């Protein structure tokens, strides 16, 4: 599945889109795994609670800082070059 870069006018619109899109994926591909990449641990908690509030199965993994890891830097550099919009906080890559 390709990466989707989403730009929303405000946080509520971004949250609504994320929940709707995750719900669609869970229904159409129940065995798939989805990654929502965020910058800060508090964002992990926020997305996790958003999923729980909307009955979406979710778990949080906190590992290495992917934004400073060499492979992460390369990946996000390529992602930004391919994205039609600039990827910012609360814009989700699915």
C-alpha atoms as a PDB file:
ATOM      1  CA  UNK A   1       0.000   0.000   0.000  1.00  0.00           C
ATOM      2  CA  UNK A   2       1.363   3.430  -0.867  1.00  0.00           C
ATOM      3  CA  UNK A   3       2.036   6.091   1.718  1.00  0.00           C
ATOM      4  CA  UNK A   4      -0.632   8.756   2.028  1.00  0.00           C
ATOM      5  CA  UNK A   5       0.418  12.266   3.024  1.00  0.00           C
ATOM      6  CA  UNK A   6      -2.480  14.262   4.307  1.00  0.00           C
ATOM      7  CA  UNK A   7      -2.701  17.974   4.964  1.00  0.00           C
ATOM      8  CA  UNK A   8      -5.647  19.206   7.022  1.00  0.00           C
ATOM      9  CA  UNK A   9      -6.823  22.718   7.779  1.00  0.00           C
ATOM     10  CA  UNK A  10      -6.966  22.077  11.517  1.00  0.00           C
ATOM     11  CA  UNK A  11      -6.334  19.380  14.114  1.00  0.00           C
ATOM     12  CA  UNK A  12      -9.983  18.338  14.354  1.00  0.00           C
ATOM     13  CA  UNK A  13     -10.138  17.750  10.580  1.00  0.00           C
ATOM     14  CA  UNK A  14      -6.883  15.790  10.698  1.00  0.00           C
ATOM     15  CA  UNK A  15      -8.130  13.644  13.580  1.00  0.00           C
ATOM     16  CA  UNK A  16     -11.441  13.015  11.837  1.00  0.00           C
ATOM     17  CA  UNK A  17      -9.700  12.015   8.612  1.00  0.00           C
ATOM     18  CA  UNK A  18      -7.293   9.723  10.466  1.00  0.00           C
ATOM     19  CA  UNK A  19     -10.091   7.899  12.289  1.00  0.00           C
ATOM     20  CA  UNK A  20     -12.147   7.545   9.095  1.00  0.00           C
ATOM     21  CA  UNK A  21      -9.193   6.272   7.045  1.00  0.00           C
ATOM     22  CA  UNK A  22      -8.014   3.839   9.723  1.00  0.00           C
ATOM     23  CA  UNK A  23     -11.581   2.503  10.037  1.00  0.00           C
ATOM     24  CA  UNK A  24     -11.722   1.931   6.282  1.00  0.00           C
ATOM     25  CA  UNK A  25      -8.422   0.047   6.288  1.00  0.00           C
ATOM     26  CA  UNK A  26      -9.369  -2.070   9.317  1.00  0.00           C
ATOM     27  CA  UNK A  27     -12.663  -3.056   7.644  1.00  0.00           C
ATOM     28  CA  UNK A  28     -11.253  -3.774   4.195  1.00  0.00           C
ATOM     29  CA  UNK A  29      -7.965  -5.360   5.298  1.00  0.00           C
ATOM     30  CA  UNK A  30      -8.430  -6.682   8.851  1.00  0.00           C
ATOM     31  CA  UNK A  31      -5.086  -8.519   8.886  1.00  0.00           C
ATOM     32  CA  UNK A  32      -3.044  -5.515   7.772  1.00  0.00           C
ATOM     33  CA  UNK A  33      -0.700  -3.528   9.962  1.00  0.00           C
ATOM     34  CA  UNK A  34      -0.728   0.249   9.896  1.00  0.00           C
ATOM     35  CA  UNK A  35       1.932   2.638  11.149  1.00  0.00           C
ATOM     36  CA  UNK A  36       1.129   6.165  12.268  1.00  0.00           C
ATOM     37  CA  UNK A  37       4.416   7.994  12.664  1.00  0.00           C
ATOM     38  CA  UNK A  38       4.564  10.913  15.084  1.00  0.00           C
ATOM     39  CA  UNK A  39       7.345  13.109  16.430  1.00  0.00           C
ATOM     40  CA  UNK A  40       6.699  13.097  20.176  1.00  0.00           C
ATOM     41  CA  UNK A  41       5.695  10.523  22.788  1.00  0.00           C
ATOM     42  CA  UNK A  42       2.710  12.644  23.788  1.00  0.00           C
ATOM     43  CA  UNK A  43       1.517  12.323  20.189  1.00  0.00           C
ATOM     44  CA  UNK A  44       1.724   8.543  20.502  1.00  0.00           C
ATOM     45  CA  UNK A  45      -0.520   8.706  23.560  1.00  0.00           C
ATOM     46  CA  UNK A  46      -2.919  11.059  21.796  1.00  0.00           C
ATOM     47  CA  UNK A  47      -3.263   8.840  18.702  1.00  0.00           C
ATOM     48  CA  UNK A  48      -3.625   5.750  20.890  1.00  0.00           C
ATOM     49  CA  UNK A  49      -6.454   7.361  22.878  1.00  0.00           C
ATOM     50  CA  UNK A  50      -8.076   8.601  19.647  1.00  0.00           C
ATOM     51  CA  UNK A  51      -8.070   5.033  18.330  1.00  0.00           C
ATOM     52  CA  UNK A  52      -9.424   3.629  21.591  1.00  0.00           C
ATOM     53  CA  UNK A  53     -12.232   6.224  21.678  1.00  0.00           C
ATOM     54  CA  UNK A  54     -13.244   5.087  18.185  1.00  0.00           C
ATOM     55  CA  UNK A  55     -12.966   1.341  18.860  1.00  0.00           C
ATOM     56  CA  UNK A  56      -9.971   0.907  16.592  1.00  0.00           C
ATOM     57  CA  UNK A  57      -7.460  -1.753  17.629  1.00  0.00           C
ATOM     58  CA  UNK A  58      -4.156  -0.055  18.380  1.00  0.00           C
ATOM     59  CA  UNK A  59      -0.935  -0.495  20.289  1.00  0.00           C
ATOM     60  CA  UNK A  60       1.893   1.906  20.940  1.00  0.00           C
ATOM     61  CA  UNK A  61       5.532   1.162  20.293  1.00  0.00           C
ATOM     62  CA  UNK A  62       8.202   3.522  21.446  1.00  0.00           C
ATOM     63  CA  UNK A  63      11.601   2.650  20.149  1.00  0.00           C
ATOM     64  CA  UNK A  64      14.536   4.459  18.691  1.00  0.00           C
ATOM     65  CA  UNK A  65      14.130   8.027  17.510  1.00  0.00           C
ATOM     66  CA  UNK A  66      13.394   7.348  13.853  1.00  0.00           C
ATOM     67  CA  UNK A  67      13.818  11.018  12.986  1.00  0.00           C
ATOM     68  CA  UNK A  68      17.509  10.940  13.927  1.00  0.00           C
ATOM     69  CA  UNK A  69      18.311   7.364  12.844  1.00  0.00           C
ATOM     70  CA  UNK A  70      20.206   7.319   9.487  1.00  0.00           C
ATOM     71  CA  UNK A  71      17.563   5.129   7.802  1.00  0.00           C
ATOM     72  CA  UNK A  72      14.786   7.304   9.204  1.00  0.00           C
ATOM     73  CA  UNK A  73      16.474  10.451   7.908  1.00  0.00           C
ATOM     74  CA  UNK A  74      16.785   8.905   4.447  1.00  0.00           C
ATOM     75  CA  UNK A  75      13.193   7.613   4.491  1.00  0.00           C
ATOM     76  CA  UNK A  76      11.662  10.942   5.533  1.00  0.00           C
ATOM     77  CA  UNK A  77      13.834  12.858   3.086  1.00  0.00           C
ATOM     78  CA  UNK A  78      12.500  10.650   0.278  1.00  0.00           C
ATOM     79  CA  UNK A  79       8.963  10.950   1.609  1.00  0.00           C
ATOM     80  CA  UNK A  80       9.084  14.746   1.641  1.00  0.00           C
ATOM     81  CA  UNK A  81      10.501  14.810  -1.893  1.00  0.00           C
ATOM     82  CA  UNK A  82       7.639  12.587  -3.139  1.00  0.00           C
ATOM     83  CA  UNK A  83       4.828  14.224  -1.166  1.00  0.00           C
ATOM     84  CA  UNK A  84       2.668  16.830  -2.868  1.00  0.00           C
ATOM     85  CA  UNK A  85       2.442  18.664   0.481  1.00  0.00           C
ATOM     86  CA  UNK A  86       4.883  19.428   3.251  1.00  0.00           C
ATOM     87  CA  UNK A  87       4.618  16.866   6.050  1.00  0.00           C
ATOM     88  CA  UNK A  88       4.102  18.577   9.413  1.00  0.00           C
ATOM     89  CA  UNK A  89       2.875  17.816  12.930  1.00  0.00           C
ATOM     90  CA  UNK A  90      -0.551  16.191  12.964  1.00  0.00           C
ATOM     91  CA  UNK A  91      -0.308  15.234   9.345  1.00  0.00           C
ATOM     92  CA  UNK A  92      -0.308  11.507   9.146  1.00  0.00           C
ATOM     93  CA  UNK A  93       1.503   9.024   6.955  1.00  0.00           C
ATOM     94  CA  UNK A  94      -0.626   5.905   6.560  1.00  0.00           C
END
